[in-house]
Amino acid sequence: MINTEAAKKYWKQRHAALDASDAAAAHLRAALARHGLVIPSLCSSEPVNHRGFVELGGCGADVAARLAQVLDAAAGVTSEEAR
């Protein structure tokens, strides 16, 4: 027999993880867009270990290089230090 309380808890956690995945993917997509960056394969995914999961996937080398520049700038790293 299925434990109804356990099933309710599972589905509640699953929905929370899916919501977290959707929100994180949307937030990251918007943050990237503010810098003129697009990662086409960026998407929310099924939960992993009851936690939200976002798939970053792949992107062009130009996008990866620009993303690294943006992250370095945010961290206060100069182009000489980054290499």
C-alpha atoms as a PDB file:
ATOM      1  CA  MET A   1       0.000   0.000   0.000  1.00  0.00           C
ATOM      2  CA  ILE A   2       1.248   3.488  -0.852  1.00  0.00           C
ATOM      3  CA  ASN A   3       1.863   5.809   2.063  1.00  0.00           C
ATOM      4  CA  THR A   4      -0.276   8.814   1.155  1.00  0.00           C
ATOM      5  CA  GLU A   5       1.674  11.241   3.349  1.00  0.00           C
ATOM      6  CA  ALA A   6       4.972  10.113   1.852  1.00  0.00           C
ATOM      7  CA  ALA A   7       3.542  10.492  -1.650  1.00  0.00           C
ATOM      8  CA  LYS A   8       2.269  13.980  -0.855  1.00  0.00           C
ATOM      9  CA  LYS A   9       5.680  14.928   0.521  1.00  0.00           C
ATOM     10  CA  TYR A  10       7.420  13.538  -2.579  1.00  0.00           C
ATOM     11  CA  TRP A  11       5.189  15.470  -4.991  1.00  0.00           C
ATOM     12  CA  LYS A  12       5.478  18.653  -2.956  1.00  0.00           C
ATOM     13  CA  GLN A  13       9.294  18.404  -3.023  1.00  0.00           C
ATOM     14  CA  ARG A  14       9.251  17.565  -6.731  1.00  0.00           C
ATOM     15  CA  HIS A  15       7.087  20.558  -7.612  1.00  0.00           C
ATOM     16  CA  ALA A  16       9.241  22.852  -5.462  1.00  0.00           C
ATOM     17  CA  ALA A  17      12.376  21.568  -7.211  1.00  0.00           C
ATOM     18  CA  LEU A  18      10.793  22.055 -10.648  1.00  0.00           C
ATOM     19  CA  ASP A  19       9.721  25.581  -9.713  1.00  0.00           C
ATOM     20  CA  ALA A  20      13.247  26.328  -8.472  1.00  0.00           C
ATOM     21  CA  SER A  21      14.684  25.006 -11.752  1.00  0.00           C
ATOM     22  CA  ASP A  22      12.342  27.128 -13.838  1.00  0.00           C
ATOM     23  CA  ALA A  23      13.054  30.253 -11.797  1.00  0.00           C
ATOM     24  CA  ALA A  24      16.833  29.770 -11.830  1.00  0.00           C
ATOM     25  CA  ALA A  25      16.911  29.128 -15.581  1.00  0.00           C
ATOM     26  CA  ALA A  26      14.786  32.210 -16.274  1.00  0.00           C
ATOM     27  CA  HIS A  27      16.925  34.359 -13.977  1.00  0.00           C
ATOM     28  CA  LEU A  28      20.160  33.168 -15.596  1.00  0.00           C
ATOM     29  CA  ARG A  29      18.718  33.616 -19.103  1.00  0.00           C
ATOM     30  CA  ALA A  30      17.753  37.206 -18.250  1.00  0.00           C
ATOM     31  CA  ALA A  31      21.128  37.952 -16.637  1.00  0.00           C
ATOM     32  CA  LEU A  32      22.957  36.636 -19.687  1.00  0.00           C
ATOM     33  CA  ALA A  33      20.700  38.669 -21.990  1.00  0.00           C
ATOM     34  CA  ARG A  34      21.610  41.859 -20.119  1.00  0.00           C
ATOM     35  CA  HIS A  35      25.162  41.215 -21.316  1.00  0.00           C
ATOM     36  CA  GLY A  36      24.098  40.305 -24.838  1.00  0.00           C
ATOM     37  CA  LEU A  37      24.716  36.612 -24.247  1.00  0.00           C
ATOM     38  CA  VAL A  38      22.511  33.683 -25.229  1.00  0.00           C
ATOM     39  CA  ILE A  39      23.062  30.030 -24.399  1.00  0.00           C
ATOM     40  CA  PRO A  40      20.453  28.341 -26.615  1.00  0.00           C
ATOM     41  CA  SER A  41      20.473  25.055 -24.721  1.00  0.00           C
ATOM     42  CA  LEU A  42      19.929  26.656 -21.294  1.00  0.00           C
ATOM     43  CA  CYS A  43      16.839  25.077 -19.734  1.00  0.00           C
ATOM     44  CA  SER A  44      15.336  23.808 -16.520  1.00  0.00           C
ATOM     45  CA  SER A  45      15.384  20.067 -16.077  1.00  0.00           C
ATOM     46  CA  GLU A  46      14.096  17.261 -13.935  1.00  0.00           C
ATOM     47  CA  PRO A  47      15.146  17.425 -10.275  1.00  0.00           C
ATOM     48  CA  VAL A  48      18.344  15.663  -9.244  1.00  0.00           C
ATOM     49  CA  ASN A  49      18.445  14.341  -5.688  1.00  0.00           C
ATOM     50  CA  HIS A  50      15.269  16.308  -4.899  1.00  0.00           C
ATOM     51  CA  ARG A  51      16.928  19.570  -5.937  1.00  0.00           C
ATOM     52  CA  GLY A  52      16.251  21.888  -8.832  1.00  0.00           C
ATOM     53  CA  PHE A  53      18.532  21.346 -11.811  1.00  0.00           C
ATOM     54  CA  VAL A  54      19.411  23.642 -14.713  1.00  0.00           C
ATOM     55  CA  GLU A  55      21.077  22.346 -17.851  1.00  0.00           C
ATOM     56  CA  LEU A  56      23.547  24.813 -19.298  1.00  0.00           C
ATOM     57  CA  GLY A  57      24.389  22.721 -22.339  1.00  0.00           C
ATOM     58  CA  GLY A  58      26.749  24.016 -24.968  1.00  0.00           C
ATOM     59  CA  CYS A  59      27.440  27.334 -26.631  1.00  0.00           C
ATOM     60  CA  GLY A  60      29.757  28.806 -29.199  1.00  0.00           C
ATOM     61  CA  ALA A  61      33.334  29.653 -28.301  1.00  0.00           C
ATOM     62  CA  ASP A  62      32.543  33.356 -28.743  1.00  0.00           C
ATOM     63  CA  VAL A  63      29.763  33.156 -26.162  1.00  0.00           C
ATOM     64  CA  ALA A  64      31.975  31.201 -23.743  1.00  0.00           C
ATOM     65  CA  ALA A  65      34.779  33.763 -24.120  1.00  0.00           C
ATOM     66  CA  ARG A  66      32.381  36.675 -23.574  1.00  0.00           C
ATOM     67  CA  LEU A  67      30.842  34.952 -20.545  1.00  0.00           C
ATOM     68  CA  ALA A  68      34.327  34.499 -19.070  1.00  0.00           C
ATOM     69  CA  GLN A  69      35.017  38.203 -19.633  1.00  0.00           C
ATOM     70  CA  VAL A  70      31.797  39.213 -17.885  1.00  0.00           C
ATOM     71  CA  LEU A  71      32.504  36.927 -14.928  1.00  0.00           C
ATOM     72  CA  ASP A  72      36.098  38.142 -14.659  1.00  0.00           C
ATOM     73  CA  ALA A  73      34.951  41.760 -14.734  1.00  0.00           C
ATOM     74  CA  ALA A  74      32.391  41.076 -12.002  1.00  0.00           C
ATOM     75  CA  ALA A  75      35.132  39.478  -9.890  1.00  0.00           C
ATOM     76  CA  GLY A  76      37.472  42.392 -10.501  1.00  0.00           C
ATOM     77  CA  VAL A  77      39.970  40.255 -12.416  1.00  0.00           C
ATOM     78  CA  THR A  78      42.002  42.009 -15.106  1.00  0.00           C
ATOM     79  CA  SER A  79      42.546  40.419 -18.507  1.00  0.00           C
ATOM     80  CA  GLU A  80      46.224  39.848 -17.630  1.00  0.00           C
ATOM     81  CA  GLU A  81      45.311  38.026 -14.401  1.00  0.00           C
ATOM     82  CA  ALA A  82      42.750  35.877 -16.192  1.00  0.00           C
ATOM     83  CA  ARG A  83      45.287  34.273 -18.493  1.00  0.00           C
END
